[in-house]
Amino acid sequence: MKASKGDWVLIHNIVLCSNERAPQVPDDTKKVPLESWVKGFLQHDAEVGEEVQVRTITGRLEKGKLIDVNPTYKHNYGNFVPELLQIGIKLRKILYGGEANE
């Protein structure tokens, strides 16, 4: 995917390799690198996968591998849990006497 100068992009960078981590870091954390994902405005035309430089919204210049153009949030709060719906209904009844007393 091609990205143009000025596009809002996401970059990835390895800040510290696993062997460079601080000695007080927990053992399971020491096994993996310290990584950084930064969003910013691309400073030159590039293809996804290339090393690029971005200017963040706060004005910092950061370098890293171009991951995505116009990145979006992809998280959610998980699947619907029917038990939670029933808990809300029962709790309303216990606290307020049900819907008739609202």
PDB file of N, CA and C in Angstrom:
ATOM      1  N   MET A   1       0.847  -1.174   0.000  1.00  0.00           N
ATOM      2  CA  MET A   1       0.000   0.000   0.000  1.00  0.00           C
ATOM      3  C   MET A   1       0.892   1.236   0.000  1.00  0.00           C
ATOM      4  N   LYS A   2       0.565   2.170  -0.826  1.00  0.00           N
ATOM      5  CA  LYS A   2       1.324   3.407  -0.977  1.00  0.00           C
ATOM      6  C   LYS A   2       0.778   4.465  -0.015  1.00  0.00           C
ATOM      7  N   ALA A   3       1.681   5.199   0.615  1.00  0.00           N
ATOM      8  CA  ALA A   3       1.299   6.297   1.493  1.00  0.00           C
ATOM      9  C   ALA A   3       1.994   7.563   0.999  1.00  0.00           C
ATOM     10  N   SER A   4       1.296   8.668   1.096  1.00  0.00           N
ATOM     11  CA  SER A   4       1.830   9.946   0.628  1.00  0.00           C
ATOM     12  C   SER A   4       2.241  10.835   1.782  1.00  0.00           C
ATOM     13  N   LYS A   5       3.155  11.744   1.502  1.00  0.00           N
ATOM     14  CA  LYS A   5       3.596  12.712   2.503  1.00  0.00           C
ATOM     15  C   LYS A   5       2.365  13.414   3.078  1.00  0.00           C
ATOM     16  N   GLY A   6       2.305  13.505   4.405  1.00  0.00           N
ATOM     17  CA  GLY A   6       1.187  14.161   5.077  1.00  0.00           C
ATOM     18  C   GLY A   6       0.095  13.218   5.529  1.00  0.00           C
ATOM     19  N   ASP A   7       0.113  11.962   5.044  1.00  0.00           N
ATOM     20  CA  ASP A   7      -0.901  10.990   5.482  1.00  0.00           C
ATOM     21  C   ASP A   7      -0.730  10.681   6.969  1.00  0.00           C
ATOM     22  N   TRP A   8      -1.849  10.391   7.631  1.00  0.00           N
ATOM     23  CA  TRP A   8      -1.857   9.962   9.037  1.00  0.00           C
ATOM     24  C   TRP A   8      -1.557   8.466   9.030  1.00  0.00           C
ATOM     25  N   VAL A   9      -0.473   8.068   9.698  1.00  0.00           N
ATOM     26  CA  VAL A   9      -0.015   6.679   9.626  1.00  0.00           C
ATOM     27  C   VAL A   9       0.361   6.147  11.000  1.00  0.00           C
ATOM     28  N   LEU A  10       0.560   4.834  11.045  1.00  0.00           N
ATOM     29  CA  LEU A  10       1.029   4.136  12.241  1.00  0.00           C
ATOM     30  C   LEU A  10       2.379   3.523  11.925  1.00  0.00           C
ATOM     31  N   ILE A  11       3.365   3.752  12.821  1.00  0.00           N
ATOM     32  CA  ILE A  11       4.679   3.146  12.650  1.00  0.00           C
ATOM     33  C   ILE A  11       4.993   2.272  13.856  1.00  0.00           C
ATOM     34  N   HIS A  12       5.931   1.341  13.658  1.00  0.00           N
ATOM     35  CA  HIS A  12       6.361   0.423  14.709  1.00  0.00           C
ATOM     36  C   HIS A  12       7.872   0.509  14.823  1.00  0.00           C
ATOM     37  N   ASN A  13       8.369   0.410  16.060  1.00  0.00           N
ATOM     38  CA  ASN A  13       9.793   0.511  16.305  1.00  0.00           C
ATOM     39  C   ASN A  13      10.165  -0.376  17.491  1.00  0.00           C
ATOM     40  N   ILE A  14      11.318  -1.031  17.410  1.00  0.00           N
ATOM     41  CA  ILE A  14      11.871  -1.768  18.546  1.00  0.00           C
ATOM     42  C   ILE A  14      12.731  -0.782  19.329  1.00  0.00           C
ATOM     43  N   VAL A  15      12.320  -0.451  20.552  1.00  0.00           N
ATOM     44  CA  VAL A  15      13.040   0.509  21.385  1.00  0.00           C
ATOM     45  C   VAL A  15      14.247  -0.160  22.032  1.00  0.00           C
ATOM     46  N   LEU A  16      14.024  -1.329  22.617  1.00  0.00           N
ATOM     47  CA  LEU A  16      15.095  -2.102  23.241  1.00  0.00           C
ATOM     48  C   LEU A  16      14.939  -3.571  22.875  1.00  0.00           C
ATOM     49  N   CYS A  17      16.026  -4.205  22.473  1.00  0.00           N
ATOM     50  CA  CYS A  17      16.002  -5.649  22.253  1.00  0.00           C
ATOM     51  C   CYS A  17      15.912  -6.338  23.610  1.00  0.00           C
ATOM     52  N   SER A  18      15.522  -7.597  23.602  1.00  0.00           N
ATOM     53  CA  SER A  18      15.326  -8.309  24.874  1.00  0.00           C
ATOM     54  C   SER A  18      16.593  -8.340  25.723  1.00  0.00           C
ATOM     55  N   ASN A  19      17.761  -8.422  25.093  1.00  0.00           N
ATOM     56  CA  ASN A  19      19.009  -8.452  25.877  1.00  0.00           C
ATOM     57  C   ASN A  19      19.417  -7.080  26.406  1.00  0.00           C
ATOM     58  N   GLU A  20      18.718  -6.027  26.029  1.00  0.00           N
ATOM     59  CA  GLU A  20      19.013  -4.672  26.509  1.00  0.00           C
ATOM     60  C   GLU A  20      18.079  -4.223  27.632  1.00  0.00           C
ATOM     61  N   ARG A  21      17.123  -5.070  28.013  1.00  0.00           N
ATOM     62  CA  ARG A  21      16.140  -4.700  29.031  1.00  0.00           C
ATOM     63  C   ARG A  21      16.806  -4.550  30.387  1.00  0.00           C
ATOM     64  N   ALA A  22      16.232  -3.715  31.246  1.00  0.00           N
ATOM     65  CA  ALA A  22      16.778  -3.455  32.583  1.00  0.00           C
ATOM     66  C   ALA A  22      16.750  -4.728  33.428  1.00  0.00           C
ATOM     67  N   PRO A  23      17.740  -4.893  34.329  1.00  0.00           N
ATOM     68  CA  PRO A  23      17.810  -6.121  35.128  1.00  0.00           C
ATOM     69  C   PRO A  23      16.628  -6.311  36.076  1.00  0.00           C
ATOM     70  N   GLN A  24      15.969  -5.235  36.504  1.00  0.00           N
ATOM     71  CA  GLN A  24      14.858  -5.356  37.450  1.00  0.00           C
ATOM     72  C   GLN A  24      13.530  -5.714  36.775  1.00  0.00           C
ATOM     73  N   VAL A  25      13.526  -5.791  35.447  1.00  0.00           N
ATOM     74  CA  VAL A  25      12.314  -6.149  34.720  1.00  0.00           C
ATOM     75  C   VAL A  25      11.999  -7.625  34.987  1.00  0.00           C
ATOM     76  N   PRO A  26      10.723  -7.987  35.181  1.00  0.00           N
ATOM     77  CA  PRO A  26      10.357  -9.390  35.411  1.00  0.00           C
ATOM     78  C   PRO A  26      10.873 -10.294  34.286  1.00  0.00           C
ATOM     79  N   ASP A  27      11.166 -11.551  34.629  1.00  0.00           N
ATOM     80  CA  ASP A  27      11.770 -12.483  33.678  1.00  0.00           C
ATOM     81  C   ASP A  27      10.949 -12.649  32.399  1.00  0.00           C
ATOM     82  N   ASP A  28       9.620 -12.765  32.517  1.00  0.00           N
ATOM     83  CA  ASP A  28       8.814 -12.955  31.308  1.00  0.00           C
ATOM     84  C   ASP A  28       8.855 -11.715  30.415  1.00  0.00           C
ATOM     85  N   THR A  29       9.021 -10.540  31.006  1.00  0.00           N
ATOM     86  CA  THR A  29       9.119  -9.301  30.242  1.00  0.00           C
ATOM     87  C   THR A  29      10.480  -9.199  29.562  1.00  0.00           C
ATOM     88  N   LYS A  30      11.529  -9.664  30.227  1.00  0.00           N
ATOM     89  CA  LYS A  30      12.882  -9.612  29.661  1.00  0.00           C
ATOM     90  C   LYS A  30      12.997 -10.431  28.373  1.00  0.00           C
ATOM     91  N   LYS A  31      12.122 -11.412  28.193  1.00  0.00           N
ATOM     92  CA  LYS A  31      12.210 -12.306  27.038  1.00  0.00           C
ATOM     93  C   LYS A  31      11.761 -11.645  25.733  1.00  0.00           C
ATOM     94  N   VAL A  32      11.094 -10.518  25.826  1.00  0.00           N
ATOM     95  CA  VAL A  32      10.567  -9.863  24.624  1.00  0.00           C
ATOM     96  C   VAL A  32      11.133  -8.448  24.498  1.00  0.00           C
ATOM     97  N   PRO A  33      11.219  -7.918  23.292  1.00  0.00           N
ATOM     98  CA  PRO A  33      11.718  -6.559  23.118  1.00  0.00           C
ATOM     99  C   PRO A  33      10.697  -5.527  23.595  1.00  0.00           C
ATOM    100  N   LEU A  34      11.190  -4.337  23.918  1.00  0.00           N
ATOM    101  CA  LEU A  34      10.319  -3.206  24.222  1.00  0.00           C
ATOM    102  C   LEU A  34       9.955  -2.564  22.884  1.00  0.00           C
ATOM    103  N   GLU A  35       8.670  -2.538  22.581  1.00  0.00           N
ATOM    104  CA  GLU A  35       8.206  -2.061  21.279  1.00  0.00           C
ATOM    105  C   GLU A  35       7.430  -0.761  21.420  1.00  0.00           C
ATOM    106  N   SER A  36       7.389  -0.011  20.333  1.00  0.00           N
ATOM    107  CA  SER A  36       6.687   1.264  20.304  1.00  0.00           C
ATOM    108  C   SER A  36       5.839   1.336  19.044  1.00  0.00           C
ATOM    109  N   TRP A  37       4.597   1.773  19.181  1.00  0.00           N
ATOM    110  CA  TRP A  37       3.728   2.054  18.043  1.00  0.00           C
ATOM    111  C   TRP A  37       3.349   3.521  18.159  1.00  0.00           C
ATOM    112  N   VAL A  38       3.568   4.278  17.109  1.00  0.00           N
ATOM    113  CA  VAL A  38       3.355   5.729  17.134  1.00  0.00           C
ATOM    114  C   VAL A  38       2.552   6.129  15.908  1.00  0.00           C
ATOM    115  N   LYS A  39       1.594   7.035  16.114  1.00  0.00           N
ATOM    116  CA  LYS A  39       0.834   7.597  14.993  1.00  0.00           C
ATOM    117  C   LYS A  39       1.353   8.996  14.713  1.00  0.00           C
ATOM    118  N   GLY A  40       1.359   9.353  13.443  1.00  0.00           N
ATOM    119  CA  GLY A  40       1.811  10.688  13.075  1.00  0.00           C
ATOM    120  C   GLY A  40       1.626  10.948  11.598  1.00  0.00           C
ATOM    121  N   PHE A  41       2.085  12.134  11.176  1.00  0.00           N
ATOM    122  CA  PHE A  41       1.976  12.554   9.786  1.00  0.00           C
ATOM    123  C   PHE A  41       3.251  12.162   9.050  1.00  0.00           C
ATOM    124  N   LEU A  42       3.098  11.395   7.994  1.00  0.00           N
ATOM    125  CA  LEU A  42       4.227  10.903   7.215  1.00  0.00           C
ATOM    126  C   LEU A  42       5.007  12.068   6.622  1.00  0.00           C
ATOM    127  N   GLN A  43       6.328  12.000   6.697  1.00  0.00           N
ATOM    128  CA  GLN A  43       7.180  13.089   6.239  1.00  0.00           C
ATOM    129  C   GLN A  43       7.646  12.930   4.796  1.00  0.00           C
ATOM    130  N   HIS A  44       7.405  11.765   4.175  1.00  0.00           N
ATOM    131  CA  HIS A  44       7.768  11.543   2.774  1.00  0.00           C
ATOM    132  C   HIS A  44       6.962  10.361   2.235  1.00  0.00           C
ATOM    133  N   ASP A  45       6.781  10.291   0.941  1.00  0.00           N
ATOM    134  CA  ASP A  45       6.058   9.178   0.322  1.00  0.00           C
ATOM    135  C   ASP A  45       6.748   7.862   0.655  1.00  0.00           C
ATOM    136  N   ALA A  46       5.961   6.809   0.851  1.00  0.00           N
ATOM    137  CA  ALA A  46       6.542   5.507   1.202  1.00  0.00           C
ATOM    138  C   ALA A  46       5.527   4.398   0.971  1.00  0.00           C
ATOM    139  N   GLU A  47       6.012   3.173   1.032  1.00  0.00           N
ATOM    140  CA  GLU A  47       5.190   1.973   0.958  1.00  0.00           C
ATOM    141  C   GLU A  47       5.127   1.341   2.345  1.00  0.00           C
ATOM    142  N   VAL A  48       4.025   0.671   2.658  1.00  0.00           N
ATOM    143  CA  VAL A  48       3.919  -0.059   3.922  1.00  0.00           C
ATOM    144  C   VAL A  48       5.085  -1.042   4.001  1.00  0.00           C
ATOM    145  N   GLY A  49       5.740  -1.079   5.167  1.00  0.00           N
ATOM    146  CA  GLY A  49       6.891  -1.947   5.372  1.00  0.00           C
ATOM    147  C   GLY A  49       8.219  -1.212   5.316  1.00  0.00           C
ATOM    148  N   GLU A  50       8.223  -0.012   4.761  1.00  0.00           N
ATOM    149  CA  GLU A  50       9.463   0.771   4.667  1.00  0.00           C
ATOM    150  C   GLU A  50       9.722   1.536   5.961  1.00  0.00           C
ATOM    151  N   GLU A  51      10.997   1.869   6.188  1.00  0.00           N
ATOM    152  CA  GLU A  51      11.377   2.738   7.310  1.00  0.00           C
ATOM    153  C   GLU A  51      11.008   4.166   6.933  1.00  0.00           C
ATOM    154  N   VAL A  52      10.302   4.842   7.844  1.00  0.00           N
ATOM    155  CA  VAL A  52       9.824   6.203   7.565  1.00  0.00           C
ATOM    156  C   VAL A  52      10.011   7.088   8.781  1.00  0.00           C
ATOM    157  N   GLN A  53       9.741   8.365   8.573  1.00  0.00           N
ATOM    158  CA  GLN A  53       9.743   9.323   9.674  1.00  0.00           C
ATOM    159  C   GLN A  53       8.371   9.991   9.702  1.00  0.00           C
ATOM    160  N   VAL A  54       7.844  10.171  10.926  1.00  0.00           N
ATOM    161  CA  VAL A  54       6.556  10.844  11.101  1.00  0.00           C
ATOM    162  C   VAL A  54       6.712  11.988  12.090  1.00  0.00           C
ATOM    163  N   ARG A  55       5.807  12.959  11.960  1.00  0.00           N
ATOM    164  CA  ARG A  55       5.712  14.027  12.954  1.00  0.00           C
ATOM    165  C   ARG A  55       4.427  13.780  13.731  1.00  0.00           C
ATOM    166  N   THR A  56       4.569  13.597  15.054  1.00  0.00           N
ATOM    167  CA  THR A  56       3.407  13.307  15.887  1.00  0.00           C
ATOM    168  C   THR A  56       2.565  14.559  16.059  1.00  0.00           C
ATOM    169  N   ILE A  57       1.396  14.382  16.609  1.00  0.00           N
ATOM    170  CA  ILE A  57       0.483  15.507  16.831  1.00  0.00           C
ATOM    171  C   ILE A  57       1.096  16.531  17.793  1.00  0.00           C
ATOM    172  N   THR A  58       2.040  16.080  18.636  1.00  0.00           N
ATOM    173  CA  THR A  58       2.714  16.996  19.567  1.00  0.00           C
ATOM    174  C   THR A  58       3.992  17.580  18.985  1.00  0.00           C
ATOM    175  N   GLY A  59       4.315  17.229  17.725  1.00  0.00           N
ATOM    176  CA  GLY A  59       5.461  17.818  17.060  1.00  0.00           C
ATOM    177  C   GLY A  59       6.750  17.012  17.113  1.00  0.00           C
ATOM    178  N   ARG A  60       6.760  15.857  17.800  1.00  0.00           N
ATOM    179  CA  ARG A  60       7.971  15.028  17.857  1.00  0.00           C
ATOM    180  C   ARG A  60       8.195  14.352  16.507  1.00  0.00           C
ATOM    181  N   LEU A  61       9.449  14.163  16.143  1.00  0.00           N
ATOM    182  CA  LEU A  61       9.790  13.375  14.966  1.00  0.00           C
ATOM    183  C   LEU A  61      10.184  11.977  15.425  1.00  0.00           C
ATOM    184  N   GLU A  62       9.564  10.969  14.845  1.00  0.00           N
ATOM    185  CA  GLU A  62       9.822   9.576  15.213  1.00  0.00           C
ATOM    186  C   GLU A  62      10.088   8.778  13.949  1.00  0.00           C
ATOM    187  N   LYS A  63      10.961   7.765  14.054  1.00  0.00           N
ATOM    188  CA  LYS A  63      11.256   6.872  12.936  1.00  0.00           C
ATOM    189  C   LYS A  63      10.776   5.465  13.264  1.00  0.00           C
ATOM    190  N   GLY A  64      10.367   4.744  12.240  1.00  0.00           N
ATOM    191  CA  GLY A  64       9.945   3.370  12.423  1.00  0.00           C
ATOM    192  C   GLY A  64       9.458   2.774  11.123  1.00  0.00           C
ATOM    193  N   LYS A  65       9.012   1.531  11.209  1.00  0.00           N
ATOM    194  CA  LYS A  65       8.508   0.809  10.044  1.00  0.00           C
ATOM    195  C   LYS A  65       7.040   1.165   9.830  1.00  0.00           C
ATOM    196  N   LEU A  66       6.685   1.569   8.630  1.00  0.00           N
ATOM    197  CA  LEU A  66       5.312   1.944   8.301  1.00  0.00           C
ATOM    198  C   LEU A  66       4.420   0.705   8.357  1.00  0.00           C
ATOM    199  N   ILE A  67       3.412   0.760   9.218  1.00  0.00           N
ATOM    200  CA  ILE A  67       2.513  -0.378   9.452  1.00  0.00           C
ATOM    201  C   ILE A  67       1.158  -0.184   8.783  1.00  0.00           C
ATOM    202  N   ASP A  68       0.587   1.028   8.887  1.00  0.00           N
ATOM    203  CA  ASP A  68      -0.786   1.237   8.426  1.00  0.00           C
ATOM    204  C   ASP A  68      -0.991   2.695   8.042  1.00  0.00           C
ATOM    205  N   VAL A  69      -1.879   2.911   7.070  1.00  0.00           N
ATOM    206  CA  VAL A  69      -2.263   4.258   6.642  1.00  0.00           C
ATOM    207  C   VAL A  69      -3.679   4.509   7.141  1.00  0.00           C
ATOM    208  N   ASN A  70      -3.915   5.680   7.725  1.00  0.00           N
ATOM    209  CA  ASN A  70      -5.211   6.023   8.318  1.00  0.00           C
ATOM    210  C   ASN A  70      -5.667   4.926   9.289  1.00  0.00           C
ATOM    211  N   PRO A  71      -4.855   4.642  10.312  1.00  0.00           N
ATOM    212  CA  PRO A  71      -5.177   3.549  11.241  1.00  0.00           C
ATOM    213  C   PRO A  71      -6.468   3.819  12.011  1.00  0.00           C
ATOM    214  N   THR A  72      -7.177   2.732  12.299  1.00  0.00           N
ATOM    215  CA  THR A  72      -8.410   2.842  13.078  1.00  0.00           C
ATOM    216  C   THR A  72      -8.280   1.985  14.331  1.00  0.00           C
ATOM    217  N   TYR A  73      -9.098   2.291  15.320  1.00  0.00           N
ATOM    218  CA  TYR A  73      -9.126   1.472  16.525  1.00  0.00           C
ATOM    219  C   TYR A  73      -9.847   0.177  16.205  1.00  0.00           C
ATOM    220  N   LYS A  74      -9.283  -0.946  16.628  1.00  0.00           N
ATOM    221  CA  LYS A  74      -9.867  -2.246  16.324  1.00  0.00           C
ATOM    222  C   LYS A  74     -10.249  -3.013  17.584  1.00  0.00           C
ATOM    223  N   HIS A  75     -10.234  -2.347  18.735  1.00  0.00           N
ATOM    224  CA  HIS A  75     -10.568  -3.047  19.971  1.00  0.00           C
ATOM    225  C   HIS A  75     -12.079  -3.000  20.213  1.00  0.00           C
ATOM    226  N   ASN A  76     -12.539  -3.887  21.070  1.00  0.00           N
ATOM    227  CA  ASN A  76     -13.935  -3.875  21.481  1.00  0.00           C
ATOM    228  C   ASN A  76     -13.996  -4.402  22.913  1.00  0.00           C
ATOM    229  N   TYR A  77     -15.173  -4.566  23.422  1.00  0.00           N
ATOM    230  CA  TYR A  77     -15.333  -5.027  24.799  1.00  0.00           C
ATOM    231  C   TYR A  77     -15.731  -6.488  24.867  1.00  0.00           C
ATOM    232  N   GLY A  78     -15.452  -7.234  23.801  1.00  0.00           N
ATOM    233  CA  GLY A  78     -15.716  -8.664  23.805  1.00  0.00           C
ATOM    234  C   GLY A  78     -17.119  -9.000  23.343  1.00  0.00           C
ATOM    235  N   ASN A  79     -17.434 -10.270  23.402  1.00  0.00           N
ATOM    236  CA  ASN A  79     -18.735 -10.768  22.975  1.00  0.00           C
ATOM    237  C   ASN A  79     -19.800 -10.477  24.028  1.00  0.00           C
ATOM    238  N   PHE A  80     -21.024 -10.471  23.573  1.00  0.00           N
ATOM    239  CA  PHE A  80     -22.173 -10.277  24.455  1.00  0.00           C
ATOM    240  C   PHE A  80     -22.218 -11.388  25.495  1.00  0.00           C
ATOM    241  N   VAL A  81     -22.477 -11.006  26.759  1.00  0.00           N
ATOM    242  CA  VAL A  81     -22.567 -11.975  27.861  1.00  0.00           C
ATOM    243  C   VAL A  81     -23.978 -11.895  28.426  1.00  0.00           C
ATOM    244  N   PRO A  82     -24.851 -12.858  28.101  1.00  0.00           N
ATOM    245  CA  PRO A  82     -26.249 -12.798  28.539  1.00  0.00           C
ATOM    246  C   PRO A  82     -26.408 -12.723  30.050  1.00  0.00           C
ATOM    247  N   GLU A  83     -25.495 -13.350  30.785  1.00  0.00           N
ATOM    248  CA  GLU A  83     -25.582 -13.332  32.250  1.00  0.00           C
ATOM    249  C   GLU A  83     -25.488 -11.911  32.792  1.00  0.00           C
ATOM    250  N   LEU A  84     -24.688 -11.070  32.154  1.00  0.00           N
ATOM    251  CA  LEU A  84     -24.549  -9.686  32.624  1.00  0.00           C
ATOM    252  C   LEU A  84     -25.845  -8.905  32.440  1.00  0.00           C
ATOM    253  N   LEU A  85     -26.554  -9.187  31.388  1.00  0.00           N
ATOM    254  CA  LEU A  85     -27.839  -8.541  31.161  1.00  0.00           C
ATOM    255  C   LEU A  85     -28.812  -8.907  32.281  1.00  0.00           C
ATOM    256  N   GLN A  86     -28.856 -10.177  32.643  1.00  0.00           N
ATOM    257  CA  GLN A  86     -29.749 -10.629  33.712  1.00  0.00           C
ATOM    258  C   GLN A  86     -29.348 -10.042  35.057  1.00  0.00           C
ATOM    259  N   ILE A  87     -28.053  -9.904  35.293  1.00  0.00           N
ATOM    260  CA  ILE A  87     -27.587  -9.300  36.548  1.00  0.00           C
ATOM    261  C   ILE A  87     -28.106  -7.873  36.661  1.00  0.00           C
ATOM    262  N   GLY A  88     -28.047  -7.110  35.555  1.00  0.00           N
ATOM    263  CA  GLY A  88     -28.540  -5.736  35.576  1.00  0.00           C
ATOM    264  C   GLY A  88     -30.020  -5.654  35.904  1.00  0.00           C
ATOM    265  N   ILE A  89     -30.803  -6.549  35.317  1.00  0.00           N
ATOM    266  CA  ILE A  89     -32.248  -6.573  35.574  1.00  0.00           C
ATOM    267  C   ILE A  89     -32.531  -6.932  37.025  1.00  0.00           C
ATOM    268  N   LYS A  90     -31.846  -7.961  37.539  1.00  0.00           N
ATOM    269  CA  LYS A  90     -32.054  -8.381  38.927  1.00  0.00           C
ATOM    270  C   LYS A  90     -31.596  -7.298  39.906  1.00  0.00           C
ATOM    271  N   LEU A  91     -30.485  -6.659  39.614  1.00  0.00           N
ATOM    272  CA  LEU A  91     -29.969  -5.617  40.501  1.00  0.00           C
ATOM    273  C   LEU A  91     -30.929  -4.437  40.564  1.00  0.00           C
ATOM    274  N   ARG A  92     -31.494  -4.035  39.431  1.00  0.00           N
ATOM    275  CA  ARG A  92     -32.464  -2.943  39.413  1.00  0.00           C
ATOM    276  C   ARG A  92     -33.665  -3.287  40.297  1.00  0.00           C
ATOM    277  N   LYS A  93     -34.103  -4.532  40.230  1.00  0.00           N
ATOM    278  CA  LYS A  93     -35.251  -4.968  41.025  1.00  0.00           C
ATOM    279  C   LYS A  93     -34.920  -4.928  42.518  1.00  0.00           C
ATOM    280  N   ILE A  94     -33.714  -5.396  42.878  1.00  0.00           N
ATOM    281  CA  ILE A  94     -33.294  -5.406  44.286  1.00  0.00           C
ATOM    282  C   ILE A  94     -33.152  -3.989  44.822  1.00  0.00           C
ATOM    283  N   LEU A  95     -32.512  -3.117  44.058  1.00  0.00           N
ATOM    284  CA  LEU A  95     -32.234  -1.765  44.549  1.00  0.00           C
ATOM    285  C   LEU A  95     -33.435  -0.826  44.504  1.00  0.00           C
ATOM    286  N   TYR A  96     -34.224  -0.931  43.439  1.00  0.00           N
ATOM    287  CA  TYR A  96     -35.274   0.063  43.235  1.00  0.00           C
ATOM    288  C   TYR A  96     -36.665  -0.527  43.163  1.00  0.00           C
ATOM    289  N   GLY A  97     -36.804  -1.818  43.308  1.00  0.00           N
ATOM    290  CA  GLY A  97     -38.119  -2.434  43.252  1.00  0.00           C
ATOM    291  C   GLY A  97     -38.578  -2.697  41.836  1.00  0.00           C
ATOM    292  N   GLY A  98     -37.697  -2.656  40.875  1.00  0.00           N
ATOM    293  CA  GLY A  98     -38.049  -2.963  39.492  1.00  0.00           C
ATOM    294  C   GLY A  98     -38.378  -1.719  38.682  1.00  0.00           C
ATOM    295  N   GLU A  99     -38.779  -1.940  37.432  1.00  0.00           N
ATOM    296  CA  GLU A  99     -39.051  -0.841  36.506  1.00  0.00           C
ATOM    297  C   GLU A  99     -40.245   0.004  36.924  1.00  0.00           C
ATOM    298  N   ALA A 100     -41.206  -0.581  37.637  1.00  0.00           N
ATOM    299  CA  ALA A 100     -42.416   0.142  38.032  1.00  0.00           C
ATOM    300  C   ALA A 100     -42.084   1.280  39.001  1.00  0.00           C
ATOM    301  N   ASN A 101     -40.958   1.229  39.700  1.00  0.00           N
ATOM    302  CA  ASN A 101     -40.607   2.250  40.690  1.00  0.00           C
ATOM    303  C   ASN A 101     -39.579   3.255  40.182  1.00  0.00           C
ATOM    304  N   GLU A 102     -39.367   3.335  38.868  1.00  0.00           N
ATOM    305  CA  GLU A 102     -38.363   4.275  38.333  1.00  0.00           C
ATOM    306  C   GLU A 102     -38.905   5.670  38.240  1.00  0.00           C
TER     307      GLU A 102
END
